Every structure is written in C-alpha cells, then in structure tokens.
C-alpha atoms as a PDB file:
ATOM      1  CA  MET A   1      -1.188   4.428  20.124  1.00  0.00           C
ATOM      2  CA  LEU A   2      -0.597   0.984  18.635  1.00  0.00           C
ATOM      3  CA  VAL A   3       1.769   1.096  15.639  1.00  0.00           C
ATOM      4  CA  ILE A   4       1.644  -1.843  13.240  1.00  0.00           C
ATOM      5  CA  ALA A   5       3.159  -2.747   9.868  1.00  0.00           C
ATOM      6  CA  ARG A   6       1.560  -4.749   7.055  1.00  0.00           C
ATOM      7  CA  HIS A   7       3.133  -6.113   3.898  1.00  0.00           C
ATOM      8  CA  LEU A   8       0.565  -5.987   1.089  1.00  0.00           C
ATOM      9  CA  MET A   9       0.406  -7.790  -2.236  1.00  0.00           C
ATOM     10  CA  ILE A  10      -2.289  -6.142  -4.344  1.00  0.00           C
ATOM     11  CA  LEU A  11      -3.522  -8.243  -7.255  1.00  0.00           C
ATOM     12  CA  GLY A  12      -5.767  -7.475 -10.195  1.00  0.00           C
ATOM     13  CA  GLN A  13      -5.630  -4.702 -12.778  1.00  0.00           C
ATOM     14  CA  VAL A  14      -3.365  -2.477 -10.690  1.00  0.00           C
ATOM     15  CA  GLN A  15      -0.561  -1.421 -13.047  1.00  0.00           C
ATOM     16  CA  GLY A  16      -0.911   1.372 -15.582  1.00  0.00           C
ATOM     17  CA  VAL A  17      -3.798   2.879 -13.592  1.00  0.00           C
ATOM     18  CA  PHE A  18      -1.823   5.230 -11.271  1.00  0.00           C
ATOM     19  CA  TYR A  19      -2.166   2.802  -8.356  1.00  0.00           C
ATOM     20  CA  ARG A  20       1.287   3.639  -6.950  1.00  0.00           C
ATOM     21  CA  ASN A  21       0.653   7.391  -7.055  1.00  0.00           C
ATOM     22  CA  TRP A  22      -2.744   6.866  -5.434  1.00  0.00           C
ATOM     23  CA  THR A  23      -1.072   4.748  -2.729  1.00  0.00           C
ATOM     24  CA  VAL A  24       1.514   7.435  -1.913  1.00  0.00           C
ATOM     25  CA  GLU A  25      -1.161  10.157  -1.718  1.00  0.00           C
ATOM     26  CA  THR A  26      -3.638   8.085   0.298  1.00  0.00           C
ATOM     27  CA  ALA A  27      -1.112   6.627   2.741  1.00  0.00           C
ATOM     28  CA  SER A  28       0.487  10.038   3.290  1.00  0.00           C
ATOM     29  CA  SER A  29      -2.906  11.642   3.943  1.00  0.00           C
ATOM     30  CA  LEU A  30      -3.549   8.994   6.641  1.00  0.00           C
ATOM     31  CA  GLY A  31      -0.186   9.700   8.294  1.00  0.00           C
ATOM     32  CA  LEU A  32       1.298   6.346   7.294  1.00  0.00           C
ATOM     33  CA  ALA A  33       4.897   5.515   6.448  1.00  0.00           C
ATOM     34  CA  GLY A  34       6.149   2.926   3.984  1.00  0.00           C
ATOM     35  CA  TRP A  35       6.680   2.257   0.316  1.00  0.00           C
ATOM     36  CA  VAL A  36       4.997   0.925  -2.821  1.00  0.00           C
ATOM     37  CA  ARG A  37       6.339  -0.639  -6.029  1.00  0.00           C
ATOM     38  CA  ASN A  38       5.209  -2.553  -9.094  1.00  0.00           C
ATOM     39  CA  ARG A  39       6.151  -6.220  -9.417  1.00  0.00           C
ATOM     40  CA  MET A  40       7.182  -7.911 -12.653  1.00  0.00           C
ATOM     41  CA  ASP A  41       4.175 -10.286 -12.318  1.00  0.00           C
ATOM     42  CA  GLY A  42       1.707  -7.369 -12.674  1.00  0.00           C
ATOM     43  CA  SER A  43       0.927  -6.993  -8.986  1.00  0.00           C
ATOM     44  CA  VAL A  44       1.682  -4.056  -6.693  1.00  0.00           C
ATOM     45  CA  GLU A  45       3.602  -4.566  -3.443  1.00  0.00           C
ATOM     46  CA  ALA A  46       3.507  -2.210  -0.473  1.00  0.00           C
ATOM     47  CA  LEU A  47       4.641  -1.873   3.105  1.00  0.00           C
ATOM     48  CA  VAL A  48       2.285   0.252   5.189  1.00  0.00           C
ATOM     49  CA  GLN A  49       3.109   1.257   8.759  1.00  0.00           C
ATOM     50  CA  GLY A  50       1.383   3.462  11.295  1.00  0.00           C
ATOM     51  CA  GLU A  51      -1.469   3.585  13.766  1.00  0.00           C
ATOM     52  CA  ALA A  52      -3.489   0.363  13.597  1.00  0.00           C
ATOM     53  CA  ASP A  53      -6.788   2.089  12.743  1.00  0.00           C
ATOM     54  CA  MET A  54      -5.171   4.098   9.926  1.00  0.00           C
ATOM     55  CA  VAL A  55      -3.508   0.971   8.465  1.00  0.00           C
ATOM     56  CA  ALA A  56      -6.894  -0.777   8.531  1.00  0.00           C
ATOM     57  CA  ARG A  57      -8.516   2.262   6.879  1.00  0.00           C
ATOM     58  CA  PHE A  58      -5.850   2.265   4.153  1.00  0.00           C
ATOM     59  CA  ILE A  59      -6.386  -1.445   3.394  1.00  0.00           C
ATOM     60  CA  THR A  60     -10.130  -0.842   3.112  1.00  0.00           C
ATOM     61  CA  LEU A  61      -9.573   2.060   0.689  1.00  0.00           C
ATOM     62  CA  ALA A  62      -6.982   0.042  -1.267  1.00  0.00           C
ATOM     63  CA  GLN A  63      -9.684  -2.517  -2.154  1.00  0.00           C
ATOM     64  CA  ASP A  64     -10.950   0.123  -4.604  1.00  0.00           C
ATOM     65  CA  GLY A  65      -7.801   2.155  -5.267  1.00  0.00           C
ATOM     66  CA  PRO A  66      -7.852   4.753  -8.048  1.00  0.00           C
ATOM     67  CA  PRO A  67     -10.849   4.878 -10.432  1.00  0.00           C
ATOM     68  CA  ALA A  68      -9.302   2.762 -13.239  1.00  0.00           C
ATOM     69  CA  ALA A  69      -8.049  -0.020 -10.926  1.00  0.00           C
ATOM     70  CA  LYS A  70      -9.784  -3.368 -10.552  1.00  0.00           C
ATOM     71  CA  VAL A  71      -8.451  -4.977  -7.382  1.00  0.00           C
ATOM     72  CA  ALA A  72      -9.036  -8.726  -7.265  1.00  0.00           C
ATOM     73  CA  ARG A  73      -7.611  -9.199  -3.782  1.00  0.00           C
ATOM     74  CA  ILE A  74      -5.114  -7.927  -1.241  1.00  0.00           C
ATOM     75  CA  ASP A  75      -2.930 -10.379   0.661  1.00  0.00           C
ATOM     76  CA  ALA A  76      -1.873  -8.692   3.926  1.00  0.00           C
ATOM     77  CA  THR A  77       0.820 -10.067   6.216  1.00  0.00           C
ATOM     78  CA  ASP A  78       1.943  -8.749   9.606  1.00  0.00           C
ATOM     79  CA  VAL A  79       5.594  -7.702   9.552  1.00  0.00           C
ATOM     80  CA  ALA A  80       8.018  -6.091  11.987  1.00  0.00           C
ATOM     81  CA  GLU A  81       8.086  -2.319  12.167  1.00  0.00           C
ATOM     82  CA  GLU A  82      10.884  -0.580  10.290  1.00  0.00           C
ATOM     83  CA  ALA A  83      12.540   2.804  10.728  1.00  0.00           C
ATOM     84  CA  LEU A  84      10.651   4.603   7.973  1.00  0.00           C
ATOM     85  CA  ASN A  85      10.280   8.275   7.190  1.00  0.00           C
ATOM     86  CA  GLY A  86       7.351   9.183   4.954  1.00  0.00           C
ATOM     87  CA  PHE A  87       5.901   7.169   2.103  1.00  0.00           C
ATOM     88  CA  GLU A  88       7.810   6.550  -1.128  1.00  0.00           C
ATOM     89  CA  LYS A  89       7.465   5.003  -4.549  1.00  0.00           C
ATOM     90  CA  ARG A  90      10.197   2.423  -5.231  1.00  0.00           C
ATOM     91  CA  PRO A  91      11.475   0.922  -8.507  1.00  0.00           C
ATOM     92  CA  THR A  92       9.849  -2.182  -9.965  1.00  0.00           C
ATOM     93  CA  ALA A  93      11.068  -5.467  -8.473  1.00  0.00           C
END
C-alpha cells in the first residue's frame, strides 16, 4: 500500500457552499486523513493523505464538490506525510 499526501488549493466558488463539510465527509468515507480550512482569499485549502488511489479518487471528486460549488481549479502539490488521525475542519487562515 503506497501512502501519499497532497496539499490542495481549491479555487472557485467554494466558500458558503458547504465545501468543507463535504470534504470531511468524502475524505473520511475514502479512509483518508487530513484537514480542510477556508482561506481569507476565498479559496479552500486541504491536506489529504492516504492510499494513492483513494487520494486520486478524492481529487477527482473534489473537482465537482458539493452541489452548489463551482470549482475553477485545484492546485495539488506533493508533500511529506504527517502523523494524522482522521479528517478535521480547521479555522480559517
């Protein structure tokens, strides 16, 4: 099992549409660990970690997100794995 971590910047109409709650539910259902938070610039930031195929699946699903979201793009960067337990919503940064 190959475990990877990706830092995501999700841009578009992604605040005020339950994107963070959707992220927690979706990532948790895929067995992923990490966190998600709103950014002051209107984007959503996330760290997603887990099996490579599940991380890839999450990123594919995140292109649509919840029904009211309009994702313009997702910038994904490889990052080092962290000691994470579960998936959490963090305060706005």
